[in-house]
Amino acid sequence: MAPKLKHLRSSIADLRNLFTKAIAVDQISSALELCEARADAAVARRLMEEKDFDVVGLEKSGNVYGYVELAALKDGVCSESENVFQPDDLLAAGSPLREALGVLQGKKRLFLREGSKVSQIVTLADLNKAPVRLYFFGVITLLEMQLTRLVGHYYQHDSWRDSISAPRLEAATKFHAARKKQNQELALVECLQFCDKRDILLATQEFVKVSTFRSKDALENVLKNGEKLRDKLAHGNDAVLGSSWPDTIELVNSLELLAERLEEVGN
């Protein structure tokens, strides 16, 4: 690796630890509103409509054992419409956000246990909250740092210059010069845009091979979608605009796995 890029390894490790350990599912959860299992369903319905809840938890003898959905709530008592918690409905409070996203990829909601008691709920709507956006942005940042490192790894002495267009090289050179004036000692490769690094590396057969994607086109598609997601996170209010939460979670998972694979290159 070029000497000026050696700092990237420690920076990547620090950032990875921050985003995989410091952001927990509790940071996006809400308290689970409760109803007695024998409560009148009409009372529960009014509560949910007044508070704009889709779900309330069910409690019996102090034990929160399940929930009812507003859309499926029948007349009578709440227990007649109950959904008993299943193991894959539950996650321990304090679990990494990454783990919660894996559960929510195939579900509308999950519930958090504090000890033996279920007390919190996380829904797909909660994925619009700042910690999730921060986590997604962090994953893409980690990946881009790996791309930067690998351009330096595969192309010693800035030999990548011939792999991008003259206007793109000029833009990077101007940015590099501006940073030097501010006494910021960056390598020229660090002044490339995400798309530049992507295109340089996609032309590198070894990079495509170590990514373990089924084809170069599949790898390119994931990288392009990752860049689009980053731009939406940076400039928009809706991370899933034009997509869906399951697809977005799958994309972030693919980007994170790719970053982990690339970390092994050059060790």
C-alpha atoms as a PDB file:
ATOM      1  CA  MET A   1       0.000   0.000   0.000  1.00  0.00           C
ATOM      2  CA  ALA A   2       1.202   3.522  -0.761  1.00  0.00           C
ATOM      3  CA  PRO A   3       2.683   5.159   2.389  1.00  0.00           C
ATOM      4  CA  LYS A   4       0.111   7.957   2.371  1.00  0.00           C
ATOM      5  CA  LEU A   5      -2.705   5.412   2.526  1.00  0.00           C
ATOM      6  CA  LYS A   6      -1.454   3.433   5.522  1.00  0.00           C
ATOM      7  CA  HIS A   7      -3.643   5.507   7.843  1.00  0.00           C
ATOM      8  CA  LEU A   8      -6.731   4.059   6.162  1.00  0.00           C
ATOM      9  CA  ARG A   9      -6.397   0.658   7.849  1.00  0.00           C
ATOM     10  CA  SER A  10      -6.663   2.017  11.390  1.00  0.00           C
ATOM     11  CA  SER A  11      -9.347   4.496  10.343  1.00  0.00           C
ATOM     12  CA  ILE A  12     -11.421   1.716   8.778  1.00  0.00           C
ATOM     13  CA  ALA A  13     -11.095  -0.444  11.902  1.00  0.00           C
ATOM     14  CA  ASP A  14     -12.130   2.412  14.193  1.00  0.00           C
ATOM     15  CA  LEU A  15     -15.113   3.322  12.043  1.00  0.00           C
ATOM     16  CA  ARG A  16     -16.237  -0.299  11.707  1.00  0.00           C
ATOM     17  CA  ASN A  17     -16.185  -0.774  15.480  1.00  0.00           C
ATOM     18  CA  LEU A  18     -18.188   2.416  15.935  1.00  0.00           C
ATOM     19  CA  PHE A  19     -20.966   1.466  13.555  1.00  0.00           C
ATOM     20  CA  THR A  20     -21.213  -2.221  14.403  1.00  0.00           C
ATOM     21  CA  LYS A  21     -21.109  -1.854  18.187  1.00  0.00           C
ATOM     22  CA  ALA A  22     -22.111   1.663  19.211  1.00  0.00           C
ATOM     23  CA  ILE A  23     -25.431   1.868  17.353  1.00  0.00           C
ATOM     24  CA  ALA A  24     -27.950  -0.380  19.107  1.00  0.00           C
ATOM     25  CA  VAL A  25     -31.546  -1.186  18.240  1.00  0.00           C
ATOM     26  CA  ASP A  26     -32.735   0.592  21.401  1.00  0.00           C
ATOM     27  CA  GLN A  27     -31.871   3.894  19.743  1.00  0.00           C
ATOM     28  CA  ILE A  28     -34.791   3.553  17.336  1.00  0.00           C
ATOM     29  CA  SER A  29     -37.317   1.634  19.473  1.00  0.00           C
ATOM     30  CA  SER A  30     -40.464   2.945  21.186  1.00  0.00           C
ATOM     31  CA  ALA A  31     -42.201   1.866  24.375  1.00  0.00           C
ATOM     32  CA  LEU A  32     -44.767  -0.857  23.741  1.00  0.00           C
ATOM     33  CA  GLU A  33     -48.244   0.265  24.820  1.00  0.00           C
ATOM     34  CA  LEU A  34     -50.063  -2.499  26.703  1.00  0.00           C
ATOM     35  CA  CYS A  35     -53.618  -3.770  27.130  1.00  0.00           C
ATOM     36  CA  GLU A  36     -54.928  -6.474  29.428  1.00  0.00           C
ATOM     37  CA  ALA A  37     -55.712  -9.653  27.539  1.00  0.00           C
ATOM     38  CA  ARG A  38     -59.298  -9.581  28.864  1.00  0.00           C
ATOM     39  CA  ALA A  39     -59.814  -5.902  28.018  1.00  0.00           C
ATOM     40  CA  ASP A  40     -62.686  -4.981  25.703  1.00  0.00           C
ATOM     41  CA  ALA A  41     -61.462  -4.875  22.109  1.00  0.00           C
ATOM     42  CA  ALA A  42     -63.376  -1.624  21.573  1.00  0.00           C
ATOM     43  CA  VAL A  43     -61.287   0.020  24.304  1.00  0.00           C
ATOM     44  CA  ALA A  44     -58.068  -1.200  22.690  1.00  0.00           C
ATOM     45  CA  ARG A  45     -59.277  -0.013  19.291  1.00  0.00           C
ATOM     46  CA  ARG A  46     -59.960   3.492  20.605  1.00  0.00           C
ATOM     47  CA  LEU A  47     -56.545   3.592  22.253  1.00  0.00           C
ATOM     48  CA  MET A  48     -54.784   2.587  19.037  1.00  0.00           C
ATOM     49  CA  GLU A  49     -56.774   5.007  16.903  1.00  0.00           C
ATOM     50  CA  GLU A  50     -56.200   7.919  19.290  1.00  0.00           C
ATOM     51  CA  LYS A  51     -52.448   7.286  19.477  1.00  0.00           C
ATOM     52  CA  ASP A  52     -52.086   6.171  15.857  1.00  0.00           C
ATOM     53  CA  PHE A  53     -50.776   2.723  16.855  1.00  0.00           C
ATOM     54  CA  ASP A  54     -50.996  -0.318  14.611  1.00  0.00           C
ATOM     55  CA  VAL A  55     -50.162  -2.673  17.480  1.00  0.00           C
ATOM     56  CA  VAL A  56     -50.449  -2.911  21.266  1.00  0.00           C
ATOM     57  CA  GLY A  57     -48.946  -5.545  23.520  1.00  0.00           C
ATOM     58  CA  LEU A  58     -51.072  -7.992  25.483  1.00  0.00           C
ATOM     59  CA  GLU A  59     -50.505  -8.538  29.188  1.00  0.00           C
ATOM     60  CA  LYS A  60     -51.819 -11.313  31.411  1.00  0.00           C
ATOM     61  CA  SER A  61     -50.966 -11.531  35.125  1.00  0.00           C
ATOM     62  CA  GLY A  62     -48.077  -9.115  34.613  1.00  0.00           C
ATOM     63  CA  ASN A  63     -46.628 -11.106  31.707  1.00  0.00           C
ATOM     64  CA  VAL A  64     -46.435  -9.486  28.255  1.00  0.00           C
ATOM     65  CA  TYR A  65     -46.938 -12.504  26.014  1.00  0.00           C
ATOM     66  CA  GLY A  66     -48.183 -11.211  22.652  1.00  0.00           C
ATOM     67  CA  TYR A  67     -49.876  -8.426  20.756  1.00  0.00           C
ATOM     68  CA  VAL A  68     -52.944  -7.432  18.749  1.00  0.00           C
ATOM     69  CA  GLU A  69     -53.038  -5.601  15.433  1.00  0.00           C
ATOM     70  CA  LEU A  70     -55.563  -2.849  14.839  1.00  0.00           C
ATOM     71  CA  ALA A  71     -56.336  -4.123  11.342  1.00  0.00           C
ATOM     72  CA  ALA A  72     -57.182  -7.612  12.669  1.00  0.00           C
ATOM     73  CA  LEU A  73     -58.873  -6.670  15.955  1.00  0.00           C
ATOM     74  CA  LYS A  74     -62.235  -8.434  16.347  1.00  0.00           C
ATOM     75  CA  ASP A  75     -65.142  -7.598  18.624  1.00  0.00           C
ATOM     76  CA  GLY A  76     -65.098  -9.130  22.084  1.00  0.00           C
ATOM     77  CA  VAL A  77     -61.989  -9.198  24.253  1.00  0.00           C
ATOM     78  CA  CYS A  78     -58.451  -8.545  23.060  1.00  0.00           C
ATOM     79  CA  SER A  79     -57.239 -12.105  23.636  1.00  0.00           C
ATOM     80  CA  GLU A  80     -59.620 -13.303  20.909  1.00  0.00           C
ATOM     81  CA  SER A  81     -57.407 -11.479  18.389  1.00  0.00           C
ATOM     82  CA  GLU A  82     -54.060 -12.252  20.014  1.00  0.00           C
ATOM     83  CA  ASN A  83     -50.768 -13.033  18.328  1.00  0.00           C
ATOM     84  CA  VAL A  84     -48.505 -14.887  20.740  1.00  0.00           C
ATOM     85  CA  PHE A  85     -44.840 -13.902  20.457  1.00  0.00           C
ATOM     86  CA  GLN A  86     -42.722 -16.296  18.435  1.00  0.00           C
ATOM     87  CA  PRO A  87     -38.940 -16.566  18.955  1.00  0.00           C
ATOM     88  CA  ASP A  88     -38.214 -14.648  15.752  1.00  0.00           C
ATOM     89  CA  ASP A  89     -40.471 -11.792  16.908  1.00  0.00           C
ATOM     90  CA  LEU A  90     -38.117 -11.006  19.788  1.00  0.00           C
ATOM     91  CA  LEU A  91     -34.675  -9.480  20.144  1.00  0.00           C
ATOM     92  CA  ALA A  92     -32.711  -8.578  23.247  1.00  0.00           C
ATOM     93  CA  ALA A  93     -32.556  -4.889  24.093  1.00  0.00           C
ATOM     94  CA  GLY A  94     -29.076  -3.576  23.396  1.00  0.00           C
ATOM     95  CA  SER A  95     -28.579  -5.777  20.334  1.00  0.00           C
ATOM     96  CA  PRO A  96     -26.631  -4.191  17.469  1.00  0.00           C
ATOM     97  CA  LEU A  97     -28.754  -2.366  14.918  1.00  0.00           C
ATOM     98  CA  ARG A  98     -27.210  -4.600  12.264  1.00  0.00           C
ATOM     99  CA  GLU A  99     -28.875  -7.635  13.865  1.00  0.00           C
ATOM    100  CA  ALA A 100     -32.252  -5.900  14.040  1.00  0.00           C
ATOM    101  CA  LEU A 101     -32.095  -4.984  10.357  1.00  0.00           C
ATOM    102  CA  GLY A 102     -31.606  -8.641   9.493  1.00  0.00           C
ATOM    103  CA  VAL A 103     -34.819  -9.498  11.352  1.00  0.00           C
ATOM    104  CA  LEU A 104     -36.796  -6.604   9.879  1.00  0.00           C
ATOM    105  CA  GLN A 105     -35.865  -7.519   6.334  1.00  0.00           C
ATOM    106  CA  GLY A 106     -38.649 -10.094   6.410  1.00  0.00           C
ATOM    107  CA  LYS A 107     -41.037  -8.659   9.029  1.00  0.00           C
ATOM    108  CA  LYS A 108     -43.168  -5.588   9.724  1.00  0.00           C
ATOM    109  CA  ARG A 109     -41.986  -5.248  13.327  1.00  0.00           C
ATOM    110  CA  LEU A 110     -39.994  -6.791  16.134  1.00  0.00           C
ATOM    111  CA  PHE A 111     -40.185  -6.564  19.921  1.00  0.00           C
ATOM    112  CA  LEU A 112     -37.366  -6.008  22.397  1.00  0.00           C
ATOM    113  CA  ARG A 113     -36.869  -7.928  25.628  1.00  0.00           C
ATOM    114  CA  GLU A 114     -35.333  -6.371  28.696  1.00  0.00           C
ATOM    115  CA  GLY A 115     -34.499  -9.421  30.726  1.00  0.00           C
ATOM    116  CA  SER A 116     -37.637 -11.554  30.587  1.00  0.00           C
ATOM    117  CA  LYS A 117     -40.035  -8.684  29.895  1.00  0.00           C
ATOM    118  CA  VAL A 118     -41.034  -7.406  26.456  1.00  0.00           C
ATOM    119  CA  SER A 119     -41.137  -3.624  26.671  1.00  0.00           C
ATOM    120  CA  GLN A 120     -40.204  -2.039  23.316  1.00  0.00           C
ATOM    121  CA  ILE A 121     -41.262  -2.235  19.680  1.00  0.00           C
ATOM    122  CA  VAL A 122     -39.470  -1.454  16.435  1.00  0.00           C
ATOM    123  CA  THR A 123     -41.365  -1.070  13.155  1.00  0.00           C
ATOM    124  CA  LEU A 124     -40.349  -0.405   9.575  1.00  0.00           C
ATOM    125  CA  ALA A 125     -41.336   3.232  10.077  1.00  0.00           C
ATOM    126  CA  ASP A 126     -38.585   3.495  12.711  1.00  0.00           C
ATOM    127  CA  LEU A 127     -35.993   2.792  10.019  1.00  0.00           C
ATOM    128  CA  ASN A 128     -36.379   6.402   8.871  1.00  0.00           C
ATOM    129  CA  LYS A 129     -34.830   7.577  12.140  1.00  0.00           C
ATOM    130  CA  ALA A 130     -31.408   9.214  12.250  1.00  0.00           C
ATOM    131  CA  PRO A 131     -29.435   6.278  13.766  1.00  0.00           C
ATOM    132  CA  VAL A 132     -30.418   4.023  10.844  1.00  0.00           C
ATOM    133  CA  ARG A 133     -29.518   6.666   8.281  1.00  0.00           C
ATOM    134  CA  LEU A 134     -26.225   7.171  10.092  1.00  0.00           C
ATOM    135  CA  TYR A 135     -25.572   3.422  10.072  1.00  0.00           C
ATOM    136  CA  PHE A 136     -26.316   3.117   6.344  1.00  0.00           C
ATOM    137  CA  PHE A 137     -24.100   6.099   5.568  1.00  0.00           C
ATOM    138  CA  GLY A 138     -21.368   4.607   7.732  1.00  0.00           C
ATOM    139  CA  VAL A 139     -21.453   1.299   5.852  1.00  0.00           C
ATOM    140  CA  ILE A 140     -21.075   3.098   2.514  1.00  0.00           C
ATOM    141  CA  THR A 141     -18.271   5.247   3.918  1.00  0.00           C
ATOM    142  CA  LEU A 142     -16.447   2.119   5.094  1.00  0.00           C
ATOM    143  CA  LEU A 143     -16.803   0.591   1.646  1.00  0.00           C
ATOM    144  CA  GLU A 144     -15.526   3.728  -0.063  1.00  0.00           C
ATOM    145  CA  MET A 145     -12.488   3.759   2.212  1.00  0.00           C
ATOM    146  CA  GLN A 146     -11.775   0.187   1.123  1.00  0.00           C
ATOM    147  CA  LEU A 147     -12.135   1.208  -2.527  1.00  0.00           C
ATOM    148  CA  THR A 148      -9.644   4.020  -1.957  1.00  0.00           C
ATOM    149  CA  ARG A 149      -7.199   1.635  -0.304  1.00  0.00           C
ATOM    150  CA  LEU A 150      -7.494  -0.916  -3.099  1.00  0.00           C
ATOM    151  CA  VAL A 151      -6.942   1.594  -5.889  1.00  0.00           C
ATOM    152  CA  GLY A 152      -3.665   2.389  -4.132  1.00  0.00           C
ATOM    153  CA  HIS A 153      -2.992  -1.330  -3.684  1.00  0.00           C
ATOM    154  CA  TYR A 154      -3.587  -2.383  -7.277  1.00  0.00           C
ATOM    155  CA  TYR A 155      -2.220   0.783  -8.905  1.00  0.00           C
ATOM    156  CA  GLN A 156       1.109   1.756  -7.376  1.00  0.00           C
ATOM    157  CA  HIS A 157       2.510   5.263  -7.915  1.00  0.00           C
ATOM    158  CA  ASP A 158      -0.854   6.611  -9.125  1.00  0.00           C
ATOM    159  CA  SER A 159      -0.752   4.420 -12.237  1.00  0.00           C
ATOM    160  CA  TRP A 160      -4.573   4.546 -12.193  1.00  0.00           C
ATOM    161  CA  ARG A 161      -4.360   7.977 -13.866  1.00  0.00           C
ATOM    162  CA  ASP A 162      -4.701   6.368 -17.301  1.00  0.00           C
ATOM    163  CA  SER A 163      -7.868   4.564 -16.212  1.00  0.00           C
ATOM    164  CA  ILE A 164     -10.141   7.618 -15.947  1.00  0.00           C
ATOM    165  CA  SER A 165     -11.066  10.418 -18.299  1.00  0.00           C
ATOM    166  CA  ALA A 166      -9.070  13.645 -18.482  1.00  0.00           C
ATOM    167  CA  PRO A 167     -11.909  15.733 -16.931  1.00  0.00           C
ATOM    168  CA  ARG A 168     -12.235  13.335 -13.983  1.00  0.00           C
ATOM    169  CA  LEU A 169      -8.461  13.382 -13.422  1.00  0.00           C
ATOM    170  CA  GLU A 170      -8.444  17.172 -13.646  1.00  0.00           C
ATOM    171  CA  ALA A 171     -11.216  17.419 -11.039  1.00  0.00           C
ATOM    172  CA  ALA A 172      -9.293  15.176  -8.654  1.00  0.00           C
ATOM    173  CA  THR A 173      -6.060  17.101  -9.238  1.00  0.00           C
ATOM    174  CA  LYS A 174      -7.734  20.455  -8.513  1.00  0.00           C
ATOM    175  CA  PHE A 175      -9.301  19.089  -5.356  1.00  0.00           C
ATOM    176  CA  HIS A 176      -5.946  17.700  -4.273  1.00  0.00           C
ATOM    177  CA  ALA A 177      -4.255  21.055  -4.836  1.00  0.00           C
ATOM    178  CA  ALA A 178      -6.946  22.849  -2.833  1.00  0.00           C
ATOM    179  CA  ARG A 179      -6.483  20.453   0.087  1.00  0.00           C
ATOM    180  CA  LYS A 180      -2.708  20.944   0.017  1.00  0.00           C
ATOM    181  CA  LYS A 181      -3.202  24.694   0.320  1.00  0.00           C
ATOM    182  CA  GLN A 182      -5.171  23.970   3.490  1.00  0.00           C
ATOM    183  CA  ASN A 183      -2.272  21.834   4.795  1.00  0.00           C
ATOM    184  CA  GLN A 184      -4.318  18.643   4.415  1.00  0.00           C
ATOM    185  CA  GLU A 185      -1.894  15.965   3.261  1.00  0.00           C
ATOM    186  CA  LEU A 186      -4.100  13.628   1.255  1.00  0.00           C
ATOM    187  CA  ALA A 187      -2.953  11.223  -1.414  1.00  0.00           C
ATOM    188  CA  LEU A 188      -4.260  12.051  -4.871  1.00  0.00           C
ATOM    189  CA  VAL A 189      -6.320   8.845  -4.919  1.00  0.00           C
ATOM    190  CA  GLU A 190      -8.232  10.099  -1.862  1.00  0.00           C
ATOM    191  CA  CYS A 191      -9.471  13.009  -3.962  1.00  0.00           C
ATOM    192  CA  LEU A 192     -11.259  10.747  -6.447  1.00  0.00           C
ATOM    193  CA  GLN A 193     -15.037  10.473  -6.334  1.00  0.00           C
ATOM    194  CA  PHE A 194     -16.813   7.204  -5.498  1.00  0.00           C
ATOM    195  CA  CYS A 195     -17.688   6.656  -9.159  1.00  0.00           C
ATOM    196  CA  ASP A 196     -14.045   7.123 -10.222  1.00  0.00           C
ATOM    197  CA  LYS A 197     -12.781   4.521  -7.763  1.00  0.00           C
ATOM    198  CA  ARG A 198     -15.594   2.170  -8.757  1.00  0.00           C
ATOM    199  CA  ASP A 199     -14.775   2.371 -12.468  1.00  0.00           C
ATOM    200  CA  ILE A 200     -11.024   2.001 -11.916  1.00  0.00           C
ATOM    201  CA  LEU A 201     -11.491  -1.119  -9.826  1.00  0.00           C
ATOM    202  CA  LEU A 202     -14.139  -2.682 -12.044  1.00  0.00           C
ATOM    203  CA  ALA A 203     -11.506  -2.719 -14.782  1.00  0.00           C
ATOM    204  CA  THR A 204      -9.270  -4.730 -12.429  1.00  0.00           C
ATOM    205  CA  GLN A 205      -9.850  -8.454 -12.854  1.00  0.00           C
ATOM    206  CA  GLU A 206      -8.446  -9.335  -9.437  1.00  0.00           C
ATOM    207  CA  PHE A 207     -10.840  -6.896  -7.726  1.00  0.00           C
ATOM    208  CA  VAL A 208     -13.859  -8.472  -9.410  1.00  0.00           C
ATOM    209  CA  LYS A 209     -12.575 -11.908  -8.408  1.00  0.00           C
ATOM    210  CA  VAL A 210     -12.050 -11.132  -4.712  1.00  0.00           C
ATOM    211  CA  SER A 211     -15.474  -9.484  -4.471  1.00  0.00           C
ATOM    212  CA  THR A 212     -16.981 -12.988  -4.975  1.00  0.00           C
ATOM    213  CA  PHE A 213     -19.940 -11.539  -6.879  1.00  0.00           C
ATOM    214  CA  ARG A 214     -21.323 -13.808  -9.544  1.00  0.00           C
ATOM    215  CA  SER A 215     -20.373 -11.373 -12.317  1.00  0.00           C
ATOM    216  CA  LYS A 216     -18.802  -8.000 -12.969  1.00  0.00           C
ATOM    217  CA  ASP A 217     -22.236  -6.628 -13.912  1.00  0.00           C
ATOM    218  CA  ALA A 218     -23.709  -7.734 -10.562  1.00  0.00           C
ATOM    219  CA  LEU A 219     -20.849  -6.070  -8.681  1.00  0.00           C
ATOM    220  CA  GLU A 220     -21.208  -2.881 -10.710  1.00  0.00           C
ATOM    221  CA  ASN A 221     -24.954  -2.795 -10.032  1.00  0.00           C
ATOM    222  CA  VAL A 222     -24.463  -3.075  -6.271  1.00  0.00           C
ATOM    223  CA  LEU A 223     -21.800  -0.353  -6.257  1.00  0.00           C
ATOM    224  CA  LYS A 224     -23.959   1.993  -8.330  1.00  0.00           C
ATOM    225  CA  ASN A 225     -26.968   1.389  -6.103  1.00  0.00           C
ATOM    226  CA  GLY A 226     -24.787   2.000  -3.061  1.00  0.00           C
ATOM    227  CA  GLU A 227     -23.735   5.356  -4.468  1.00  0.00           C
ATOM    228  CA  LYS A 228     -27.372   6.256  -5.165  1.00  0.00           C
ATOM    229  CA  LEU A 229     -28.320   5.345  -1.602  1.00  0.00           C
ATOM    230  CA  ARG A 230     -25.505   7.485  -0.240  1.00  0.00           C
ATOM    231  CA  ASP A 231     -26.752  10.448  -2.266  1.00  0.00           C
ATOM    232  CA  LYS A 232     -30.312   9.947  -1.019  1.00  0.00           C
ATOM    233  CA  LEU A 233     -29.092   9.772   2.565  1.00  0.00           C
ATOM    234  CA  ALA A 234     -27.024  12.911   2.146  1.00  0.00           C
ATOM    235  CA  HIS A 235     -29.539  15.029   0.270  1.00  0.00           C
ATOM    236  CA  GLY A 236     -33.020  13.588   0.802  1.00  0.00           C
ATOM    237  CA  ASN A 237     -35.469  12.690   3.517  1.00  0.00           C
ATOM    238  CA  ASP A 238     -36.460   9.237   2.283  1.00  0.00           C
ATOM    239  CA  ALA A 239     -33.780   6.533   2.115  1.00  0.00           C
ATOM    240  CA  VAL A 240     -36.128   4.112   0.337  1.00  0.00           C
ATOM    241  CA  LEU A 241     -37.550   6.456  -2.283  1.00  0.00           C
ATOM    242  CA  GLY A 242     -38.071   4.343  -5.399  1.00  0.00           C
ATOM    243  CA  SER A 243     -37.282   1.125  -3.533  1.00  0.00           C
ATOM    244  CA  SER A 244     -38.491  -0.755  -0.422  1.00  0.00           C
ATOM    245  CA  TRP A 245     -37.122  -1.427   3.042  1.00  0.00           C
ATOM    246  CA  PRO A 246     -36.386  -5.121   2.359  1.00  0.00           C
ATOM    247  CA  ASP A 247     -34.501  -4.191  -0.828  1.00  0.00           C
ATOM    248  CA  THR A 248     -32.637  -1.364   0.915  1.00  0.00           C
ATOM    249  CA  ILE A 249     -31.639  -3.604   3.823  1.00  0.00           C
ATOM    250  CA  GLU A 250     -30.468  -6.275   1.355  1.00  0.00           C
ATOM    251  CA  LEU A 251     -28.401  -3.662  -0.489  1.00  0.00           C
ATOM    252  CA  VAL A 252     -26.757  -2.412   2.721  1.00  0.00           C
ATOM    253  CA  ASN A 253     -26.034  -5.982   3.740  1.00  0.00           C
ATOM    254  CA  SER A 254     -24.381  -6.630   0.369  1.00  0.00           C
ATOM    255  CA  LEU A 255     -22.290  -3.468   0.694  1.00  0.00           C
ATOM    256  CA  GLU A 256     -21.211  -4.406   4.209  1.00  0.00           C
ATOM    257  CA  LEU A 257     -20.247  -7.940   3.206  1.00  0.00           C
ATOM    258  CA  LEU A 258     -18.283  -6.563   0.255  1.00  0.00           C
ATOM    259  CA  ALA A 259     -16.396  -4.177   2.535  1.00  0.00           C
ATOM    260  CA  GLU A 260     -15.533  -7.109   4.821  1.00  0.00           C
ATOM    261  CA  ARG A 261     -14.251  -9.207   1.920  1.00  0.00           C
ATOM    262  CA  LEU A 262     -12.126  -6.345   0.600  1.00  0.00           C
ATOM    263  CA  GLU A 263     -10.578  -5.837   4.013  1.00  0.00           C
ATOM    264  CA  GLU A 264      -8.709  -9.111   3.549  1.00  0.00           C
ATOM    265  CA  VAL A 265      -6.970  -7.888   0.383  1.00  0.00           C
ATOM    266  CA  GLY A 266      -3.423  -6.732   0.948  1.00  0.00           C
ATOM    267  CA  ASN A 267      -3.108  -8.076   4.491  1.00  0.00           C
END
